Amino acid sequence: MAGSRDESPELGFGSGFLVDPNGVILTNYHVVEGADQVIVELKDGRKFTSKHIHGDPKTDLAIVRIEDAKPFAFLELGDSAAMEIGDRVLAVGAPFGLTGSVTAGIISAKGRNVNLNAYDDFLQTDAAINPGNSGGPLVNMEGKVIGITSAIKSRNGGFQGVGLAIPSDMAGNIMKQLLKDGVVRRGYLGVQIKDLTDKEIAARLGVDGQGILVTQVFDKGPAQKAGVQDGDVITELAGKPIRDSHELQNVVAVLPLGKPAALTVIRDAKPKNLSVTIAEQPAKYGNQRVSLPRIPKEAPTIPLDAIGAEATDLTPELADKLGYKDAPGALITSVDPDGVAADSGLGRGMVVLKADKQPIKSADDFNKYMAKALLEKGVLVQTYSPQGVGYVLLKKPKT
């Protein structure tokens, strides 16, 4: 398919396939991105020009409509979730403009997240995929589409054994919304989150094997209205277990808007059941990188000899200057690179709120607690920074 935008258009090229007899074509968003119209050429040589284009950049999917008096032959979407590693597949497309090319391979992996799109959940295949394959079908041995070939992982831009396809289950859901509304409306929970990768920290929080940490709850968002708090660990949503941030993102995105869903969090090592009503995701929603602010040099500090750091009180004036929440705590002002704090991940600019669940209201509070603590056993510290709430386990490394 070729796209055009102005009087001297820069033409693009890619693949696509018909998914119903009425002329709906499924392809990649990047194949038709910016185009006012596309030219579609079918295998039998017929050509169609279409201005009926709708896309979703967050999943790199798009639909194009063509019309004819007779029904079109089409491919049926299959069940991508039923595919297993090792299952044989065929990739159909137009690599380097060679239309009608077919390559064979297997499903190499499922659920790949390579940070290519906002909602990565790729099937990986070793079927040869090259430039021009984008938007083409990845079919199983029943001839059903289980993926839309989208990208390759390559050092030179050519095939190197790693092809990526958008699962048909995701594509089918996106296609229905594009056909109905022309846009995709996604759910929004209103939290900033972080994966719990440290098993010892997870165990101390009362989490066994799954869950993600809520580092920040956004004002007036669905989560805040439901009673979710900074430092909660989400373990289940709408009856589905949540093991990592990618999984939560995908579950929230497809939940019906304006309807309550059951939410389970772990708070103070105990499960808590809440009900959250998912809202529509804001148009400009996305991840933002936030840097730690500069701490004024004149701030009086207390040495934390036990962990190799220094801290000062987070006063309301200092919190306002740094853009922090007005919460009492110990602001870490410096860290010895060879000390326990640095080894454990406690960094300059973090505010210590709790130590082993005990509130820390000042630098002196934190210093006194750490002076008596058993660092061989470890102290679980709750912190706050512009990235939100987090946890650090201050522990002496084994010698």
Protein backbone atom coordinates (compact mmCIF):
# COMPACT_ATOMS: atom_id res chain seq x y z
CA MET A 1 0.00 0.00 0.00
CA ALA A 2 1.24 3.51 -0.77
CA GLY A 3 0.38 6.64 1.20
CA SER A 4 0.26 10.30 0.04
CA ARG A 5 0.05 13.61 1.89
CA ASP A 6 0.73 16.50 -0.51
CA GLU A 7 1.33 17.42 -4.14
CA SER A 8 4.80 15.86 -4.05
CA PRO A 9 4.12 12.86 -1.85
CA GLU A 10 6.71 10.60 -0.35
CA LEU A 11 5.29 7.14 -1.04
CA GLY A 12 5.44 4.36 1.52
CA PHE A 13 4.97 0.66 0.97
CA GLY A 14 3.87 -2.24 3.11
CA SER A 15 1.58 -5.23 3.45
CA GLY A 16 -1.92 -5.80 4.72
CA PHE A 17 -4.74 -8.35 4.47
CA LEU A 18 -8.53 -8.45 4.20
CA VAL A 19 -10.31 -9.56 7.36
CA ASP A 20 -13.93 -9.59 6.17
CA PRO A 21 -15.89 -9.83 2.87
CA ASN A 22 -16.88 -6.15 3.07
CA GLY A 23 -13.39 -4.83 2.34
CA VAL A 24 -11.82 -4.15 5.74
CA ILE A 25 -8.02 -4.40 5.60
CA LEU A 26 -5.83 -4.77 8.67
CA THR A 27 -2.27 -3.42 8.55
CA ASN A 28 0.34 -1.55 10.61
CA TYR A 29 -0.15 2.08 11.57
CA HIS A 30 3.35 2.95 10.40
CA VAL A 31 2.47 1.68 6.91
CA VAL A 32 -0.27 4.31 6.49
CA GLU A 33 0.91 6.95 8.95
CA GLY A 34 0.23 10.50 7.70
CA ALA A 35 -1.49 9.34 4.52
CA ASP A 36 -4.63 11.06 3.20
CA GLN A 37 -5.24 8.12 0.90
CA VAL A 38 -3.77 4.71 0.12
CA ILE A 39 -3.56 2.61 -3.01
CA VAL A 40 -4.37 -1.03 -2.41
CA GLU A 41 -3.33 -3.70 -4.90
CA LEU A 42 -4.74 -7.19 -4.44
CA LYS A 43 -3.10 -10.45 -5.46
CA ASP A 44 -5.37 -10.71 -8.52
CA GLY A 45 -4.11 -7.34 -9.81
CA ARG A 46 -7.13 -5.22 -8.90
CA LYS A 47 -6.32 -1.77 -7.51
CA PHE A 48 -8.36 0.39 -5.15
CA THR A 49 -7.84 3.90 -3.80
CA SER A 50 -9.14 4.54 -0.31
CA LYS A 51 -9.40 7.52 2.02
CA HIS A 52 -11.08 5.46 4.74
CA ILE A 53 -8.10 5.11 7.05
CA HIS A 54 -8.13 4.81 10.85
CA GLY A 55 -5.16 3.98 13.05
CA ASP A 56 -3.91 3.50 16.57
CA PRO A 57 -0.26 4.53 17.01
CA LYS A 58 0.01 3.04 20.52
CA THR A 59 -0.34 -0.49 19.13
CA ASP A 60 0.88 0.26 15.57
CA LEU A 61 -2.35 -1.03 14.05
CA ALA A 62 -4.59 0.47 11.37
CA ILE A 63 -7.56 -0.40 9.19
CA VAL A 64 -8.29 0.60 5.60
CA ARG A 65 -11.67 0.16 3.83
CA ILE A 66 -12.10 -0.65 0.15
CA GLU A 67 -15.37 -1.21 -1.73
CA ASP A 68 -16.51 -3.48 -4.53
CA ALA A 69 -19.79 -4.89 -5.79
CA LYS A 70 -18.73 -8.46 -4.95
CA PRO A 71 -17.62 -9.82 -1.57
CA PHE A 72 -13.88 -10.08 -1.02
CA ALA A 73 -12.00 -13.23 -0.13
CA PHE A 74 -10.59 -12.76 3.37
CA LEU A 75 -8.53 -14.30 6.15
CA GLU A 76 -10.03 -15.26 9.50
CA LEU A 77 -8.45 -14.11 12.74
CA GLY A 78 -7.34 -17.00 14.97
CA ASP A 79 -6.64 -17.33 18.69
CA SER A 80 -3.13 -16.03 19.36
CA ALA A 81 -3.36 -16.98 23.04
CA ALA A 82 -3.67 -20.64 22.03
CA MET A 83 -0.35 -20.60 20.18
CA GLU A 84 2.55 -22.33 21.90
CA ILE A 85 6.29 -21.97 21.56
CA GLY A 86 7.41 -24.28 18.76
CA ASP A 87 4.14 -24.07 16.77
CA ARG A 88 4.74 -23.69 13.04
CA VAL A 89 3.70 -20.48 11.28
CA LEU A 90 3.86 -18.81 7.86
CA ALA A 91 4.58 -15.12 7.24
CA VAL A 92 2.99 -13.62 4.12
CA GLY A 93 3.91 -10.23 2.74
CA ALA A 94 5.93 -8.18 0.29
CA PRO A 95 9.55 -8.11 1.52
CA PHE A 96 11.54 -5.58 -0.51
CA GLY A 97 8.44 -5.17 -2.70
CA LEU A 98 8.31 -8.85 -3.70
CA THR A 99 4.55 -9.30 -3.32
CA GLY A 100 3.05 -12.62 -2.36
CA SER A 101 6.18 -13.91 -0.64
CA VAL A 102 5.77 -16.64 1.99
CA THR A 103 8.32 -17.67 4.62
CA ALA A 104 8.05 -20.41 7.25
CA GLY A 105 9.15 -20.70 10.84
CA ILE A 106 7.96 -21.31 14.40
CA ILE A 107 6.72 -19.29 17.36
CA SER A 108 9.96 -18.55 19.22
CA ALA A 109 8.48 -16.67 22.20
CA LYS A 110 5.32 -14.97 23.45
CA GLY A 111 4.69 -11.72 25.32
CA ARG A 112 7.83 -9.94 24.10
CA ASN A 113 8.16 -6.34 25.26
CA VAL A 114 10.91 -4.49 23.37
CA ASN A 115 9.67 -0.93 24.11
CA LEU A 116 8.75 -0.40 20.48
CA ASN A 117 5.14 0.63 21.11
CA ALA A 118 3.21 1.75 24.17
CA TYR A 119 1.49 -1.65 24.34
CA ASP A 120 4.08 -4.24 23.33
CA ASP A 121 2.97 -7.87 23.62
CA PHE A 122 4.67 -9.40 20.59
CA LEU A 123 4.78 -12.93 19.30
CA GLN A 124 8.37 -13.69 18.28
CA THR A 125 9.03 -15.86 15.23
CA ASP A 126 12.04 -17.04 13.26
CA ALA A 127 10.07 -16.90 9.98
CA ALA A 128 12.01 -14.54 7.71
CA ILE A 129 10.58 -11.00 8.02
CA ASN A 130 12.13 -8.10 6.11
CA PRO A 131 11.24 -4.49 5.18
CA GLY A 132 7.95 -4.64 3.26
CA ASN A 133 6.51 -7.44 5.41
CA SER A 134 5.03 -4.88 7.83
CA GLY A 135 1.29 -5.31 8.19
CA GLY A 136 1.21 -8.78 6.64
CA PRO A 137 -0.38 -11.83 8.28
CA LEU A 138 1.37 -14.46 10.37
CA VAL A 139 -0.81 -17.57 9.96
CA ASN A 140 -0.97 -20.91 11.72
CA MET A 141 -1.25 -24.30 10.07
CA GLU A 142 -5.04 -23.90 9.92
CA GLY A 143 -4.64 -20.84 7.73
CA LYS A 144 -5.90 -18.47 10.45
CA VAL A 145 -4.13 -15.20 11.26
CA ILE A 146 -2.56 -15.31 14.71
CA GLY A 147 -0.33 -12.25 14.29
CA ILE A 148 0.37 -9.11 12.25
CA THR A 149 4.05 -8.91 11.34
CA SER A 150 5.29 -5.61 12.61
CA ALA A 151 9.04 -5.39 13.22
CA ILE A 152 12.40 -7.11 13.21
CA LYS A 153 15.25 -7.01 15.69
CA SER A 154 18.30 -6.56 13.54
CA ARG A 155 21.67 -4.83 13.52
CA ASN A 156 21.61 -4.17 9.78
CA GLY A 157 17.88 -3.78 9.03
CA GLY A 158 17.61 -7.21 7.41
CA PHE A 159 16.44 -10.59 8.65
CA GLN A 160 18.49 -12.11 11.49
CA GLY A 161 16.11 -14.68 12.90
CA VAL A 162 14.03 -12.45 15.18
CA GLY A 163 10.68 -11.27 13.81
CA LEU A 164 7.91 -9.67 15.88
CA ALA A 165 4.17 -9.86 15.31
CA ILE A 166 1.24 -8.19 17.08
CA PRO A 167 -1.05 -10.94 18.48
CA SER A 168 -4.36 -11.39 16.70
CA ASP A 169 -6.26 -11.17 19.99
CA MET A 170 -4.99 -7.61 20.49
CA ALA A 171 -5.50 -6.75 16.82
CA GLY A 172 -9.09 -7.98 16.84
CA ASN A 173 -9.97 -5.81 19.83
CA ILE A 174 -8.33 -2.72 18.32
CA MET A 175 -9.96 -3.36 14.94
CA LYS A 176 -13.46 -3.48 16.47
CA GLN A 177 -12.94 -0.11 18.14
CA LEU A 178 -11.52 1.48 14.98
CA LEU A 179 -14.48 0.18 12.95
CA LYS A 180 -16.98 1.47 15.49
CA ASP A 181 -15.52 4.82 16.56
CA GLY A 182 -12.50 5.48 14.33
CA VAL A 183 -10.35 5.80 17.46
CA VAL A 184 -9.32 3.61 20.39
CA ARG A 185 -10.53 4.58 23.86
CA ARG A 186 -8.43 2.98 26.59
CA GLY A 187 -8.87 2.61 30.29
CA TYR A 188 -6.93 4.70 32.82
CA LEU A 189 -6.21 3.79 36.43
CA GLY A 190 -4.28 6.92 37.43
CA VAL A 191 -1.21 5.47 39.10
CA GLN A 192 2.53 5.43 38.60
CA ILE A 193 3.91 1.93 39.09
CA LYS A 194 7.10 -0.08 39.40
CA ASP A 195 7.81 -3.80 39.13
CA LEU A 196 8.73 -5.59 42.36
CA THR A 197 11.88 -7.34 41.21
CA ASP A 198 13.54 -7.79 44.61
CA LYS A 199 12.08 -10.96 46.16
CA GLU A 200 13.21 -10.09 49.68
CA ILE A 201 11.54 -6.67 49.56
CA ALA A 202 8.39 -8.27 48.10
CA ALA A 203 8.32 -10.85 50.92
CA ARG A 204 8.64 -8.14 53.59
CA LEU A 205 5.71 -6.30 52.00
CA GLY A 206 3.63 -9.47 52.28
CA VAL A 207 3.67 -10.21 48.56
CA ASP A 208 4.21 -13.78 47.40
CA GLY A 209 5.26 -14.18 43.80
CA GLN A 210 3.24 -11.46 42.07
CA GLY A 211 2.24 -7.81 42.22
CA ILE A 212 3.44 -4.34 41.28
CA LEU A 213 4.23 -1.39 43.51
CA VAL A 214 2.13 1.80 43.32
CA THR A 215 4.73 4.54 43.53
CA GLN A 216 2.29 7.42 43.09
CA VAL A 217 -1.48 7.89 42.96
CA PHE A 218 -2.53 10.77 40.73
CA ASP A 219 -4.95 13.38 42.06
CA LYS A 220 -8.63 12.90 41.18
CA GLY A 221 -7.88 9.72 39.20
CA PRO A 222 -9.86 6.46 39.40
CA ALA A 223 -7.32 4.85 41.76
CA GLN A 224 -7.45 7.74 44.24
CA LYS A 225 -11.24 7.67 44.21
CA ALA A 226 -11.12 3.92 44.87
CA GLY A 227 -8.88 4.39 47.92
CA VAL A 228 -5.56 3.22 46.49
CA GLN A 229 -2.55 4.67 48.35
CA ASP A 230 1.10 5.27 47.55
CA GLY A 231 3.04 2.15 48.55
CA ASP A 232 0.19 -0.30 47.90
CA VAL A 233 0.99 -3.41 45.88
CA ILE A 234 -1.58 -4.33 43.22
CA THR A 235 -1.98 -8.10 42.92
CA GLU A 236 -5.27 -8.54 41.06
CA LEU A 237 -7.59 -6.53 38.81
CA ALA A 238 -10.93 -7.61 37.39
CA GLY A 239 -10.25 -11.18 38.47
CA LYS A 240 -6.91 -11.35 36.66
CA PRO A 241 -3.62 -11.80 38.53
CA ILE A 242 -1.15 -8.94 38.04
CA ARG A 243 2.51 -9.99 37.97
CA ASP A 244 4.20 -6.99 36.34
CA SER A 245 3.54 -3.46 35.09
CA HIS A 246 3.16 -4.58 31.48
CA GLU A 247 0.39 -6.96 32.49
CA LEU A 248 -1.45 -4.27 34.47
CA GLN A 249 -1.21 -1.83 31.57
CA ASN A 250 -2.76 -4.31 29.14
CA VAL A 251 -5.57 -5.30 31.54
CA VAL A 252 -6.50 -1.67 32.28
CA ALA A 253 -6.43 -0.75 28.60
CA VAL A 254 -9.23 -3.16 27.66
CA LEU A 255 -11.51 -2.80 30.70
CA PRO A 256 -14.91 -1.18 29.96
CA LEU A 257 -15.01 2.52 30.79
CA GLY A 258 -17.29 3.77 33.53
CA LYS A 259 -17.89 0.33 35.03
CA PRO A 260 -16.55 -0.86 38.41
CA ALA A 261 -13.88 -3.55 38.56
CA ALA A 262 -12.59 -5.49 41.56
CA LEU A 263 -9.09 -4.47 42.65
CA THR A 264 -6.95 -6.25 45.24
CA VAL A 265 -3.96 -4.55 46.86
CA ILE A 266 -1.55 -5.52 49.62
CA ARG A 267 -1.22 -2.82 52.29
CA ASP A 268 0.82 -3.29 55.45
CA ALA A 269 1.27 -6.96 54.46
CA LYS A 270 -2.50 -7.53 54.39
CA PRO A 271 -4.81 -7.91 51.35
CA LYS A 272 -7.41 -5.19 50.83
CA ASN A 273 -10.31 -5.44 48.35
CA LEU A 274 -11.36 -2.26 46.55
CA SER A 275 -13.66 -1.32 43.68
CA VAL A 276 -12.31 0.96 40.96
CA THR A 277 -14.22 2.59 38.10
CA ILE A 278 -11.94 2.87 35.08
CA ALA A 279 -11.91 6.24 33.27
CA GLU A 280 -10.80 7.06 29.71
CA GLN A 281 -7.07 7.48 29.26
CA PRO A 282 -6.08 11.14 28.74
CA ALA A 283 -4.87 11.90 25.22
CA LYS A 284 -1.43 13.01 26.42
CA TYR A 285 -1.02 10.14 28.86
CA GLY A 286 2.47 8.61 28.87
CA ASN A 287 5.62 8.10 30.85
CA GLN A 288 7.70 11.11 31.80
CA ARG A 289 11.26 11.02 33.03
CA VAL A 290 11.67 13.08 36.17
CA SER A 291 15.09 14.02 37.48
CA LEU A 292 16.02 14.34 41.14
CA PRO A 293 16.14 18.03 42.13
CA ARG A 294 19.20 19.85 43.35
CA ILE A 295 19.43 20.07 47.12
CA PRO A 296 20.47 23.48 48.55
CA LYS A 297 24.02 23.37 49.93
CA GLU A 298 23.06 25.44 52.97
CA ALA A 299 20.70 22.74 54.31
CA PRO A 300 22.02 21.50 57.72
CA THR A 301 22.85 17.79 57.65
CA ILE A 302 23.23 14.91 60.09
CA PRO A 303 25.74 12.12 59.39
CA LEU A 304 24.23 8.63 59.15
CA ASP A 305 27.39 6.72 60.01
CA ALA A 306 25.68 3.33 60.14
CA ILE A 307 24.86 3.40 56.42
CA GLY A 308 27.36 5.87 54.97
CA ALA A 309 25.11 8.84 54.16
CA GLU A 310 23.97 12.27 55.32
CA ALA A 311 20.44 13.60 55.73
CA THR A 312 18.49 16.73 56.57
CA ASP A 313 14.92 17.40 57.71
CA LEU A 314 12.36 17.76 54.92
CA THR A 315 10.78 20.98 56.14
CA PRO A 316 7.68 22.45 54.44
CA GLU A 317 9.90 25.21 52.98
CA LEU A 318 12.41 22.72 51.57
CA ALA A 319 9.66 20.48 50.23
CA ASP A 320 8.13 23.45 48.40
CA LYS A 321 11.50 24.48 46.97
CA LEU A 322 12.24 20.96 45.72
CA GLY A 323 8.73 20.30 44.41
CA TYR A 324 8.14 17.47 46.90
CA LYS A 325 5.00 16.62 48.80
CA ASP A 326 4.82 18.37 52.17
CA ALA A 327 5.45 15.22 54.22
CA PRO A 328 7.85 15.00 57.18
CA GLY A 329 10.85 12.78 56.61
CA ALA A 330 14.63 12.56 56.26
CA LEU A 331 15.99 13.91 52.98
CA ILE A 332 19.17 12.12 51.90
CA THR A 333 21.69 14.83 50.94
CA SER A 334 24.78 12.72 50.18
CA VAL A 335 25.79 9.08 49.92
CA ASP A 336 29.18 7.44 50.37
CA PRO A 337 29.72 5.31 47.22
CA ASP A 338 31.31 2.58 49.37
CA GLY A 339 28.64 2.53 52.10
CA VAL A 340 25.57 0.41 52.83
CA ALA A 341 23.20 3.09 51.51
CA ALA A 342 24.82 3.14 48.07
CA ASP A 343 25.06 -0.67 47.92
CA SER A 344 21.36 -0.94 48.79
CA GLY A 345 20.11 1.69 46.34
CA LEU A 346 19.36 4.56 48.70
CA GLY A 347 20.31 7.67 46.76
CA ARG A 348 20.76 11.39 47.15
CA GLY A 349 17.46 13.25 46.86
CA MET A 350 15.33 10.42 48.26
CA VAL A 351 13.14 11.13 51.28
CA VAL A 352 12.92 8.41 53.93
CA LEU A 353 9.31 8.14 55.18
CA LYS A 354 9.39 4.88 57.14
CA ALA A 355 11.90 2.37 58.49
CA ASP A 356 10.45 -1.10 59.13
CA LYS A 357 6.97 0.50 59.09
CA GLN A 358 7.99 3.04 61.76
CA PRO A 359 7.31 6.68 60.67
CA ILE A 360 10.44 8.78 60.16
CA LYS A 361 9.72 12.48 60.74
CA SER A 362 13.24 13.91 60.73
CA ALA A 363 16.88 13.18 59.95
CA ASP A 364 17.49 12.67 63.68
CA ASP A 365 14.68 10.09 63.82
CA PHE A 366 16.28 8.13 61.00
CA ASN A 367 19.76 8.37 62.49
CA LYS A 368 18.59 7.04 65.87
CA TYR A 369 16.69 4.17 64.28
CA MET A 370 19.60 3.11 62.09
CA ALA A 371 22.08 3.32 64.98
CA LYS A 372 20.13 0.56 66.76
CA ALA A 373 19.12 -1.45 63.70
CA LEU A 374 20.52 -4.84 62.75
CA LEU A 375 21.86 -4.23 59.27
CA GLU A 376 22.81 -7.89 58.94
CA LYS A 377 19.09 -8.69 58.99
CA GLY A 378 18.17 -5.63 56.91
CA VAL A 379 15.93 -2.60 57.36
CA LEU A 380 13.06 -2.04 54.94
CA VAL A 381 12.92 1.68 54.17
CA GLN A 382 10.03 3.43 52.43
CA THR A 383 11.22 6.34 50.32
CA TYR A 384 9.72 9.17 48.31
CA SER A 385 11.14 11.05 45.32
CA PRO A 386 9.81 12.74 42.16
CA GLN A 387 9.45 9.19 40.75
CA GLY A 388 7.04 8.40 43.61
CA VAL A 389 7.11 6.01 46.55
CA GLY A 390 9.62 3.18 46.62
CA TYR A 391 11.28 0.68 48.93
CA VAL A 392 14.94 0.06 49.71
CA LEU A 393 16.32 -2.78 51.83
CA LEU A 394 19.30 -1.41 53.77
CA LYS A 395 21.43 -4.45 54.41
CA LYS A 396 25.10 -5.18 54.88
CA PRO A 397 26.40 -7.43 52.10
CA LYS A 398 27.58 -10.86 53.18
CA THR A 399 31.36 -11.14 53.42
